Amino acid sequence: MANDNNDLIGFLMKTVFQLFGWIFLGIFKLLWIILSAIFKGIASLFRKSDQPETGA
């Protein structure tokens, strides 16, 4: 009984850690996409604001 219980707990721990790993990776990828989009937006804004000044 004790061995079966330990095996079950170990299996649950492994699955939980795998789930947390996938969730963490997903959140990290989403944050990376959002941050890169924000940086691209800021860069494009700076380029747009620079163009009229250089043109004039």
N, C-alpha and C. Protein backbone atom coordinates (compact mmCIF):
# COMPACT_ATOMS: atom_id res chain seq x y z
N MET A 1 0.83 -1.21 0.00
CA MET A 1 0.00 0.00 0.00
C MET A 1 0.87 1.26 0.00
N ALA A 2 1.89 1.28 0.84
CA ALA A 2 2.74 2.48 0.95
C ALA A 2 3.46 2.74 -0.37
N ASN A 3 3.98 1.67 -0.99
CA ASN A 3 4.70 1.84 -2.26
C ASN A 3 3.76 2.38 -3.35
N ASP A 4 2.56 1.83 -3.44
CA ASP A 4 1.59 2.29 -4.44
C ASP A 4 1.29 3.77 -4.22
N ASN A 5 1.12 4.16 -2.96
CA ASN A 5 0.82 5.55 -2.63
C ASN A 5 1.96 6.46 -3.08
N ASN A 6 3.20 6.07 -2.78
CA ASN A 6 4.37 6.88 -3.17
C ASN A 6 4.46 6.99 -4.69
N ASP A 7 4.18 5.89 -5.39
CA ASP A 7 4.23 5.92 -6.86
C ASP A 7 3.19 6.90 -7.39
N LEU A 8 2.00 6.86 -6.81
CA LEU A 8 0.91 7.76 -7.24
C LEU A 8 1.31 9.21 -7.01
N ILE A 9 1.85 9.49 -5.82
CA ILE A 9 2.27 10.86 -5.49
C ILE A 9 3.36 11.31 -6.46
N GLY A 10 4.33 10.44 -6.72
CA GLY A 10 5.41 10.77 -7.64
C GLY A 10 4.88 11.06 -9.04
N PHE A 11 3.92 10.24 -9.48
CA PHE A 11 3.32 10.44 -10.81
C PHE A 11 2.59 11.78 -10.86
N LEU A 12 1.82 12.07 -9.80
CA LEU A 12 1.08 13.34 -9.75
C LEU A 12 2.05 14.52 -9.76
N MET A 13 3.13 14.42 -8.98
CA MET A 13 4.12 15.50 -8.93
C MET A 13 4.72 15.73 -10.31
N LYS A 14 5.06 14.64 -11.00
CA LYS A 14 5.65 14.76 -12.36
C LYS A 14 4.69 15.47 -13.30
N THR A 15 3.41 15.06 -13.28
CA THR A 15 2.43 15.67 -14.19
C THR A 15 2.21 17.14 -13.84
N VAL A 16 2.17 17.43 -12.54
CA VAL A 16 1.97 18.83 -12.10
C VAL A 16 3.15 19.69 -12.56
N PHE A 17 4.37 19.16 -12.39
CA PHE A 17 5.56 19.92 -12.80
C PHE A 17 5.56 20.13 -14.32
N GLN A 18 5.14 19.09 -15.08
CA GLN A 18 5.06 19.23 -16.53
C GLN A 18 4.05 20.31 -16.91
N LEU A 19 2.88 20.27 -16.23
CA LEU A 19 1.84 21.28 -16.52
C LEU A 19 2.36 22.68 -16.23
N PHE A 20 3.00 22.85 -15.07
CA PHE A 20 3.54 24.17 -14.71
C PHE A 20 4.60 24.60 -15.72
N GLY A 21 5.40 23.65 -16.20
CA GLY A 21 6.43 23.97 -17.19
C GLY A 21 5.79 24.48 -18.48
N TRP A 22 4.74 23.78 -18.95
CA TRP A 22 4.06 24.21 -20.17
C TRP A 22 3.43 25.57 -19.99
N ILE A 23 2.75 25.77 -18.82
CA ILE A 23 2.09 27.06 -18.54
C ILE A 23 3.13 28.17 -18.49
N PHE A 24 4.26 27.92 -17.80
CA PHE A 24 5.32 28.93 -17.68
C PHE A 24 5.86 29.29 -19.05
N LEU A 25 6.09 28.26 -19.89
CA LEU A 25 6.61 28.50 -21.24
C LEU A 25 5.60 29.32 -22.05
N GLY A 26 4.32 28.97 -21.94
CA GLY A 26 3.29 29.70 -22.67
C GLY A 26 3.23 31.16 -22.26
N ILE A 27 3.27 31.41 -20.93
CA ILE A 27 3.24 32.79 -20.43
C ILE A 27 4.48 33.54 -20.90
N PHE A 28 5.64 32.89 -20.84
CA PHE A 28 6.89 33.53 -21.25
C PHE A 28 6.83 33.91 -22.73
N LYS A 29 6.30 32.99 -23.57
CA LYS A 29 6.20 33.27 -25.02
C LYS A 29 5.24 34.44 -25.25
N LEU A 30 4.11 34.44 -24.54
CA LEU A 30 3.13 35.53 -24.69
C LEU A 30 3.76 36.86 -24.29
N LEU A 31 4.46 36.88 -23.15
CA LEU A 31 5.11 38.11 -22.69
C LEU A 31 6.13 38.58 -23.72
N TRP A 32 6.90 37.64 -24.28
CA TRP A 32 7.92 37.99 -25.27
C TRP A 32 7.27 38.62 -26.49
N ILE A 33 6.15 38.02 -26.97
CA ILE A 33 5.44 38.54 -28.15
C ILE A 33 4.92 39.95 -27.85
N ILE A 34 4.31 40.12 -26.66
CA ILE A 34 3.74 41.42 -26.29
C ILE A 34 4.85 42.47 -26.18
N LEU A 35 5.94 42.11 -25.50
CA LEU A 35 7.05 43.06 -25.33
C LEU A 35 7.65 43.45 -26.67
N SER A 36 7.86 42.47 -27.54
CA SER A 36 8.44 42.77 -28.86
C SER A 36 7.49 43.66 -29.66
N ALA A 37 6.18 43.42 -29.55
CA ALA A 37 5.20 44.25 -30.25
C ALA A 37 5.24 45.68 -29.72
N ILE A 38 5.35 45.82 -28.39
CA ILE A 38 5.42 47.17 -27.78
C ILE A 38 6.67 47.88 -28.26
N PHE A 39 7.81 47.19 -28.25
CA PHE A 39 9.07 47.82 -28.68
C PHE A 39 8.98 48.22 -30.15
N LYS A 40 8.37 47.37 -30.98
CA LYS A 40 8.23 47.70 -32.40
C LYS A 40 7.34 48.93 -32.56
N GLY A 41 6.26 49.00 -31.77
CA GLY A 41 5.36 50.15 -31.83
C GLY A 41 6.08 51.43 -31.42
N ILE A 42 6.85 51.36 -30.33
CA ILE A 42 7.60 52.54 -29.87
C ILE A 42 8.61 52.96 -30.94
N ALA A 43 9.32 51.99 -31.52
CA ALA A 43 10.32 52.29 -32.54
C ALA A 43 9.65 52.94 -33.75
N SER A 44 8.50 52.42 -34.18
CA SER A 44 7.81 52.99 -35.34
C SER A 44 7.31 54.40 -35.01
N LEU A 45 6.88 54.62 -33.76
CA LEU A 45 6.42 55.97 -33.36
C LEU A 45 7.58 56.96 -33.45
N PHE A 46 8.75 56.54 -32.95
CA PHE A 46 9.92 57.42 -32.99
C PHE A 46 10.31 57.71 -34.44
N ARG A 47 10.23 56.69 -35.29
CA ARG A 47 10.58 56.88 -36.71
C ARG A 47 9.60 57.87 -37.35
N LYS A 48 8.31 57.72 -37.04
CA LYS A 48 7.30 58.62 -37.62
C LYS A 48 7.51 60.05 -37.15
N SER A 49 7.85 60.22 -35.88
CA SER A 49 8.05 61.57 -35.34
C SER A 49 9.35 62.17 -35.88
N ASP A 50 10.31 61.31 -36.25
CA ASP A 50 11.61 61.80 -36.79
C ASP A 50 11.45 62.22 -38.25
N GLN A 51 10.62 61.56 -39.02
CA GLN A 51 10.50 61.82 -40.45
C GLN A 51 10.07 63.27 -40.77
N PRO A 52 9.01 63.81 -40.14
CA PRO A 52 8.63 65.20 -40.45
C PRO A 52 9.74 66.17 -40.11
N GLU A 53 10.46 65.94 -39.00
CA GLU A 53 11.52 66.87 -38.58
C GLU A 53 12.63 66.87 -39.64
N THR A 54 13.06 65.70 -40.12
CA THR A 54 14.13 65.62 -41.10
C THR A 54 13.63 66.16 -42.45
N GLY A 55 12.33 65.90 -42.76
CA GLY A 55 11.78 66.40 -44.01
C GLY A 55 11.71 67.91 -44.01
N ALA A 56 11.34 68.52 -42.88
CA ALA A 56 11.25 69.99 -42.78
C ALA A 56 12.63 70.53 -42.52
